[in-house]
């Protein structure tokens, strides 16, 4: 039986991971920021550690722990209001991770699994990314994640603690369907959508597939000191994704071939309206860029190295994400 510490245990990914760890006969310690009641059936030992940064005391949470699964971090925020977001991301995602790694080494942890992000490599790319692709993060969030990865590798280099870094693509599932929600609302209006000419390519990962990959990394000896890119193994364009969502909600959908230049102009107009009204619109530059941009990955390396396959297809993941609430 493995003794596992999970950070970010009350978050989206953590809420899906904990029941699976319990089914896997793991003894779970959950690090929490503030008091939280887990289901009694999961037999979770909850340790309140407060906010995560370079001052967090992990001593109690790390007692008797074999494996750390580090999910916690400062998430990417669309409309940042703080004056120095770079420093805020580094404080939590980089320095907070470094602090946890150092204390894990002192506590004799054997394996450190860090769930990072594809943004450690890029937010967009016209090339299909794999584990050997160069990392060029172009956001404070992505840079903070890459710096945390690099620090983990360096700190663990001359120790007995192995590490695994997982870089998931955009994670979706029940409890986190914000991007799907926006598209669903547009589809449900029944109006033609101007996305028919988009020829991009994006990878996604269903939370059930990500959890399955984490569990495999927990057990498989070949996961030691490896970086893995995780996806549903099926990249799609924005029009393809919209049609798949429309099928799940049983809504007809017409896509008009509007040129990308006009869509970008629409995003610019949305930005202007937002700056005047203070309201968030579905059509702004950020959302348009996400609809037009590409970020696809080749996740075959984890499949070959760990003899692993994502248990859910994209269609199955969308069904489990959308249908329970429709």
Protein backbone atom coordinates (compact mmCIF):
# COMPACT_ATOMS: atom_id res chain seq x y z
CA UNK A 1 0.00 0.00 0.00
CA UNK A 2 1.40 3.37 -1.04
CA UNK A 3 1.19 6.39 1.25
CA UNK A 4 0.39 9.30 -1.06
CA UNK A 5 0.26 13.03 -0.39
CA UNK A 6 -1.97 14.94 -2.81
CA UNK A 7 -1.78 18.72 -3.06
CA UNK A 8 -4.62 20.55 -4.77
CA UNK A 9 -6.84 17.77 -3.47
CA UNK A 10 -10.02 19.87 -3.38
CA UNK A 11 -9.59 21.19 -6.92
CA UNK A 12 -11.03 19.89 -10.18
CA UNK A 13 -8.37 17.27 -10.93
CA UNK A 14 -7.94 16.35 -7.27
CA UNK A 15 -11.65 15.67 -6.82
CA UNK A 16 -11.46 13.09 -9.62
CA UNK A 17 -8.10 11.65 -8.53
CA UNK A 18 -8.86 10.94 -4.85
CA UNK A 19 -11.61 8.31 -5.40
CA UNK A 20 -9.38 6.53 -7.92
CA UNK A 21 -6.45 6.49 -5.49
CA UNK A 22 -8.79 5.03 -2.86
CA UNK A 23 -9.86 2.30 -5.29
CA UNK A 24 -6.16 1.71 -5.90
CA UNK A 25 -5.70 0.89 -2.18
CA UNK A 26 -3.58 3.97 -1.48
CA UNK A 27 -3.39 5.58 1.94
CA UNK A 28 -4.23 9.19 1.10
CA UNK A 29 -3.08 12.35 2.84
CA UNK A 30 -4.73 15.45 1.38
CA UNK A 31 -3.09 18.83 1.80
CA UNK A 32 -5.76 21.51 2.13
CA UNK A 33 -5.64 25.29 2.43
CA UNK A 34 -8.61 25.52 4.76
CA UNK A 35 -10.97 23.15 6.52
CA UNK A 36 -12.69 20.76 4.13
CA UNK A 37 -14.83 17.67 4.69
CA UNK A 38 -13.99 14.74 2.42
CA UNK A 39 -16.39 11.79 2.04
CA UNK A 40 -15.83 9.44 4.97
CA UNK A 41 -15.79 6.49 2.56
CA UNK A 42 -12.44 7.67 1.13
CA UNK A 43 -10.65 7.45 4.52
CA UNK A 44 -8.59 10.56 3.78
CA UNK A 45 -6.22 12.13 6.27
CA UNK A 46 -6.58 15.88 5.75
CA UNK A 47 -3.75 18.22 6.79
CA UNK A 48 -4.31 21.96 6.68
CA UNK A 49 -1.21 23.67 5.27
CA UNK A 50 -2.62 27.09 4.38
CA UNK A 51 -1.51 28.94 1.28
CA UNK A 52 1.26 27.44 -0.84
CA UNK A 53 4.47 29.42 -1.28
CA UNK A 54 8.12 29.25 -0.21
CA UNK A 55 7.13 29.45 3.47
CA UNK A 56 4.60 26.60 3.64
CA UNK A 57 5.35 24.04 6.35
CA UNK A 58 4.88 20.54 4.90
CA UNK A 59 6.43 18.59 7.79
CA UNK A 60 3.22 17.13 9.20
CA UNK A 61 1.72 16.41 5.77
CA UNK A 62 4.86 14.54 4.65
CA UNK A 63 5.07 12.16 7.62
CA UNK A 64 5.30 8.59 6.31
CA UNK A 65 4.70 9.63 2.68
CA UNK A 66 6.13 7.52 -0.17
CA UNK A 67 4.79 9.52 -3.12
CA UNK A 68 3.81 13.16 -3.59
CA UNK A 69 1.31 14.06 -6.33
CA UNK A 70 1.60 17.82 -6.73
CA UNK A 71 -1.50 19.29 -8.36
CA UNK A 72 -1.77 22.59 -6.51
CA UNK A 73 -0.80 25.86 -8.10
CA UNK A 74 -1.93 29.28 -9.18
CA UNK A 75 -4.10 28.75 -12.24
CA UNK A 76 -4.08 30.83 -15.40
CA UNK A 77 -6.50 33.74 -14.95
CA UNK A 78 -8.08 35.39 -18.00
CA UNK A 79 -8.62 38.88 -16.58
CA UNK A 80 -5.66 39.54 -14.26
CA UNK A 81 -6.20 42.45 -11.89
CA UNK A 82 -2.94 42.37 -9.92
CA UNK A 83 -0.07 44.63 -10.94
CA UNK A 84 2.62 41.93 -11.17
CA UNK A 85 1.15 38.57 -12.26
CA UNK A 86 4.62 37.16 -13.04
CA UNK A 87 5.68 37.49 -9.41
CA UNK A 88 2.39 35.99 -8.21
CA UNK A 89 2.80 32.91 -10.43
CA UNK A 90 6.44 32.45 -9.42
CA UNK A 91 5.59 32.76 -5.72
CA UNK A 92 3.10 29.88 -5.84
CA UNK A 93 3.99 27.73 -8.85
CA UNK A 94 7.78 27.99 -8.78
CA UNK A 95 8.87 28.85 -5.25
CA UNK A 96 5.99 26.91 -3.71
CA UNK A 97 6.97 23.80 -5.67
CA UNK A 98 10.67 24.21 -4.84
CA UNK A 99 9.82 24.42 -1.14
CA UNK A 100 7.70 21.25 -1.33
CA UNK A 101 10.43 19.39 -3.25
CA UNK A 102 13.09 20.35 -0.70
CA UNK A 103 10.95 19.24 2.23
CA UNK A 104 9.99 16.04 0.37
CA UNK A 105 13.68 15.20 0.00
CA UNK A 106 14.25 15.75 3.72
CA UNK A 107 11.23 13.58 4.55
CA UNK A 108 12.53 10.67 2.46
CA UNK A 109 9.85 10.76 -0.24
CA UNK A 110 10.61 8.16 -2.92
CA UNK A 111 8.67 9.55 -5.90
CA UNK A 112 7.50 13.08 -6.76
CA UNK A 113 4.81 13.37 -9.46
CA UNK A 114 4.42 16.94 -10.68
CA UNK A 115 1.35 17.70 -12.77
CA UNK A 116 2.59 20.70 -14.70
CA UNK A 117 1.03 22.06 -17.91
CA UNK A 118 1.51 22.08 -21.66
CA UNK A 119 1.86 25.85 -21.20
CA UNK A 120 5.37 25.12 -19.90
CA UNK A 121 6.15 24.55 -23.58
CA UNK A 122 3.81 26.97 -25.38
CA UNK A 123 0.30 28.40 -25.40
CA UNK A 124 0.06 27.94 -29.16
CA UNK A 125 2.14 26.15 -31.78
CA UNK A 126 1.80 25.39 -35.46
CA UNK A 127 3.91 22.27 -34.91
CA UNK A 128 2.78 19.11 -33.14
CA UNK A 129 4.63 19.07 -29.82
CA UNK A 130 6.32 16.10 -28.22
CA UNK A 131 8.63 15.61 -25.25
CA UNK A 132 11.67 16.62 -27.33
CA UNK A 133 10.17 19.89 -28.58
CA UNK A 134 11.85 23.05 -27.26
CA UNK A 135 10.07 24.91 -24.48
CA UNK A 136 9.14 28.51 -25.24
CA UNK A 137 6.49 29.47 -22.67
CA UNK A 138 4.94 32.81 -23.57
CA UNK A 139 2.97 33.58 -20.41
CA UNK A 140 3.80 34.17 -16.73
CA UNK A 141 1.86 30.99 -15.93
CA UNK A 142 3.81 28.88 -18.42
CA UNK A 143 7.17 30.28 -17.35
CA UNK A 144 6.43 29.60 -13.69
CA UNK A 145 5.55 25.98 -14.48
CA UNK A 146 8.70 25.42 -16.57
CA UNK A 147 10.90 26.92 -13.85
CA UNK A 148 9.28 24.59 -11.31
CA UNK A 149 9.97 21.59 -13.56
CA UNK A 150 13.61 22.58 -13.99
CA UNK A 151 14.06 23.08 -10.25
CA UNK A 152 12.53 19.67 -9.46
CA UNK A 153 14.90 17.92 -11.86
CA UNK A 154 17.94 19.76 -10.50
CA UNK A 155 17.09 19.28 -6.82
CA UNK A 156 16.36 15.56 -7.20
CA UNK A 157 19.39 14.85 -9.40
CA UNK A 158 21.74 13.60 -6.70
CA UNK A 159 19.09 12.07 -4.46
CA UNK A 160 17.21 8.79 -4.13
CA UNK A 161 13.91 10.48 -5.02
CA UNK A 162 12.62 9.84 -8.53
CA UNK A 163 10.34 12.29 -10.31
CA UNK A 164 7.73 12.29 -13.04
CA UNK A 165 6.52 15.42 -14.81
CA UNK A 166 3.14 15.32 -16.54
CA UNK A 167 2.20 18.06 -18.99
CA UNK A 168 -1.52 17.78 -19.72
CA UNK A 169 -3.18 19.68 -22.54
CA UNK A 170 -6.42 21.54 -21.78
CA UNK A 171 -8.20 19.40 -19.17
CA UNK A 172 -11.97 19.06 -19.35
CA UNK A 173 -14.57 16.99 -17.53
CA UNK A 174 -17.53 17.16 -15.20
CA UNK A 175 -16.86 20.08 -12.89
CA UNK A 176 -14.71 22.00 -15.37
CA UNK A 177 -16.33 22.62 -18.72
CA UNK A 178 -15.88 26.40 -18.96
CA UNK A 179 -14.60 26.35 -22.55
CA UNK A 180 -17.22 23.80 -23.57
CA UNK A 181 -19.87 25.86 -21.79
CA UNK A 182 -19.19 28.90 -23.95
CA UNK A 183 -19.47 26.87 -27.12
CA UNK A 184 -22.60 25.10 -25.86
CA UNK A 185 -24.33 28.42 -25.21
CA UNK A 186 -23.50 29.63 -28.71
CA UNK A 187 -24.75 26.39 -30.27
CA UNK A 188 -27.99 26.42 -28.24
CA UNK A 189 -28.89 29.85 -29.61
CA UNK A 190 -29.55 28.12 -32.92
CA UNK A 191 -27.83 30.82 -34.95
CA UNK A 192 -25.19 30.14 -37.63
CA UNK A 193 -21.69 30.36 -36.15
CA UNK A 194 -18.82 32.05 -38.04
CA UNK A 195 -16.24 29.33 -37.43
CA UNK A 196 -16.50 27.16 -40.55
CA UNK A 197 -13.24 28.36 -42.12
CA UNK A 198 -11.02 27.68 -39.10
CA UNK A 199 -8.34 25.09 -39.90
CA UNK A 200 -6.53 24.73 -36.60
CA UNK A 201 -5.60 21.66 -34.57
CA UNK A 202 -5.95 21.29 -30.78
CA UNK A 203 -5.43 18.49 -28.30
CA UNK A 204 -7.54 18.08 -25.18
CA UNK A 205 -7.45 15.63 -22.29
CA UNK A 206 -10.45 14.26 -20.44
CA UNK A 207 -9.90 14.30 -16.69
CA UNK A 208 -10.54 10.54 -16.59
CA UNK A 209 -7.61 10.01 -18.96
CA UNK A 210 -5.35 12.31 -16.93
CA UNK A 211 -6.22 10.47 -13.70
CA UNK A 212 -5.51 7.13 -15.40
CA UNK A 213 -2.11 8.42 -16.52
CA UNK A 214 -1.26 9.62 -13.00
CA UNK A 215 -2.19 6.22 -11.54
CA UNK A 216 -0.01 4.47 -14.12
CA UNK A 217 2.93 6.77 -13.29
CA UNK A 218 2.38 5.96 -9.62
CA UNK A 219 3.04 2.26 -10.20
CA UNK A 220 5.20 1.87 -13.30
CA UNK A 221 8.99 1.76 -12.76
CA UNK A 222 9.58 3.22 -16.23
CA UNK A 223 7.87 6.46 -15.15
CA UNK A 224 10.92 7.39 -13.08
CA UNK A 225 12.64 10.61 -14.18
CA UNK A 226 10.43 11.08 -17.24
CA UNK A 227 8.42 13.91 -18.77
CA UNK A 228 5.13 12.93 -20.41
CA UNK A 229 2.69 14.87 -22.57
CA UNK A 230 -0.90 13.74 -22.00
CA UNK A 231 -3.87 14.08 -24.34
CA UNK A 232 -6.93 12.20 -25.55
CA UNK A 233 -4.82 10.99 -28.47
CA UNK A 234 -7.15 12.76 -30.91
CA UNK A 235 -6.54 16.36 -32.02
CA UNK A 236 -9.44 18.26 -33.58
CA UNK A 237 -10.16 21.59 -35.22
CA UNK A 238 -12.56 24.11 -33.72
CA UNK A 239 -15.29 23.23 -36.28
CA UNK A 240 -14.87 19.52 -35.47
CA UNK A 241 -15.13 20.21 -31.73
CA UNK A 242 -18.26 22.32 -32.22
CA UNK A 243 -19.91 19.55 -34.24
CA UNK A 244 -19.05 16.97 -31.57
CA UNK A 245 -20.55 19.16 -28.84
CA UNK A 246 -23.64 19.79 -30.98
CA UNK A 247 -24.10 16.02 -31.34
CA UNK A 248 -23.92 15.56 -27.56
CA UNK A 249 -26.57 18.20 -26.86
CA UNK A 250 -28.60 17.07 -29.90
CA UNK A 251 -28.65 20.54 -31.40
CA UNK A 252 -28.30 21.29 -35.12
CA UNK A 253 -25.38 23.54 -35.90
CA UNK A 254 -24.56 25.56 -39.02
CA UNK A 255 -21.00 26.84 -39.47
CA UNK A 256 -20.33 29.74 -41.82
CA UNK A 257 -16.89 30.08 -43.51
CA UNK A 258 -15.96 33.53 -42.19
CA UNK A 259 -12.30 34.53 -42.81
CA UNK A 260 -10.00 34.56 -39.80
CA UNK A 261 -9.17 38.24 -40.34
CA UNK A 262 -12.81 39.16 -39.76
CA UNK A 263 -12.93 36.99 -36.63
CA UNK A 264 -9.86 38.77 -35.24
CA UNK A 265 -11.51 42.13 -35.98
CA UNK A 266 -14.58 40.89 -34.10
CA UNK A 267 -12.30 40.07 -31.16
CA UNK A 268 -10.83 43.58 -31.31
CA UNK A 269 -14.33 45.09 -31.21
CA UNK A 270 -15.15 42.85 -28.25
CA UNK A 271 -12.08 44.15 -26.41
CA UNK A 272 -13.23 47.73 -26.97
CA UNK A 273 -16.72 47.00 -25.69
CA UNK A 274 -15.30 45.22 -22.63
CA UNK A 275 -13.05 48.18 -21.82
CA UNK A 276 -16.05 50.54 -21.94
CA UNK A 277 -18.69 48.40 -20.22
CA UNK A 278 -16.52 46.29 -17.90
CA UNK A 279 -18.44 43.19 -18.99
CA UNK A 280 -16.84 39.97 -20.24
CA UNK A 281 -17.98 39.06 -23.75
CA UNK A 282 -17.80 35.69 -25.54
CA UNK A 283 -16.11 37.40 -28.47
CA UNK A 284 -12.88 39.09 -27.39
CA UNK A 285 -9.31 38.75 -28.63
CA UNK A 286 -8.41 36.09 -26.07
CA UNK A 287 -11.35 33.83 -26.91
CA UNK A 288 -10.94 34.34 -30.65
CA UNK A 289 -7.24 33.49 -30.42
CA UNK A 290 -8.12 30.27 -28.58
CA UNK A 291 -10.64 29.37 -31.29
CA UNK A 292 -8.17 30.09 -34.10
CA UNK A 293 -4.90 28.90 -32.58
CA UNK A 294 -3.35 25.44 -32.68
CA UNK A 295 -1.82 23.45 -29.82
CA UNK A 296 -1.62 19.76 -30.64
CA UNK A 297 0.62 17.16 -29.01
CA UNK A 298 1.94 13.71 -29.80
CA UNK A 299 1.36 11.69 -26.64
CA UNK A 300 2.72 8.42 -28.00
CA UNK A 301 5.80 8.48 -25.74
CA UNK A 302 3.89 7.64 -22.55
CA UNK A 303 2.00 4.96 -24.47
CA UNK A 304 5.24 3.30 -25.56
CA UNK A 305 7.16 3.81 -22.32
CA UNK A 306 4.44 2.73 -19.89
CA UNK A 307 2.36 0.55 -22.23
CA UNK A 308 -0.54 2.91 -21.53
CA UNK A 309 -3.55 3.97 -23.56
CA UNK A 310 -6.09 6.67 -22.64
CA UNK A 311 -9.18 4.69 -21.55
CA UNK A 312 -11.61 7.28 -22.95
CA UNK A 313 -11.94 8.70 -26.45
CA UNK A 314 -12.65 12.39 -26.99
CA UNK A 315 -16.27 11.55 -27.81
CA UNK A 316 -16.64 9.52 -24.60
CA UNK A 317 -15.04 12.28 -22.55
CA UNK A 318 -17.37 14.89 -24.03
CA UNK A 319 -20.37 12.67 -23.32
CA UNK A 320 -19.40 12.32 -19.65
CA UNK A 321 -18.73 16.06 -19.44
CA UNK A 322 -21.88 17.35 -21.12
CA UNK A 323 -24.67 14.81 -20.79
CA UNK A 324 -24.93 14.59 -16.96
CA UNK A 325 -26.00 18.25 -16.91
CA UNK A 326 -28.28 18.12 -19.94
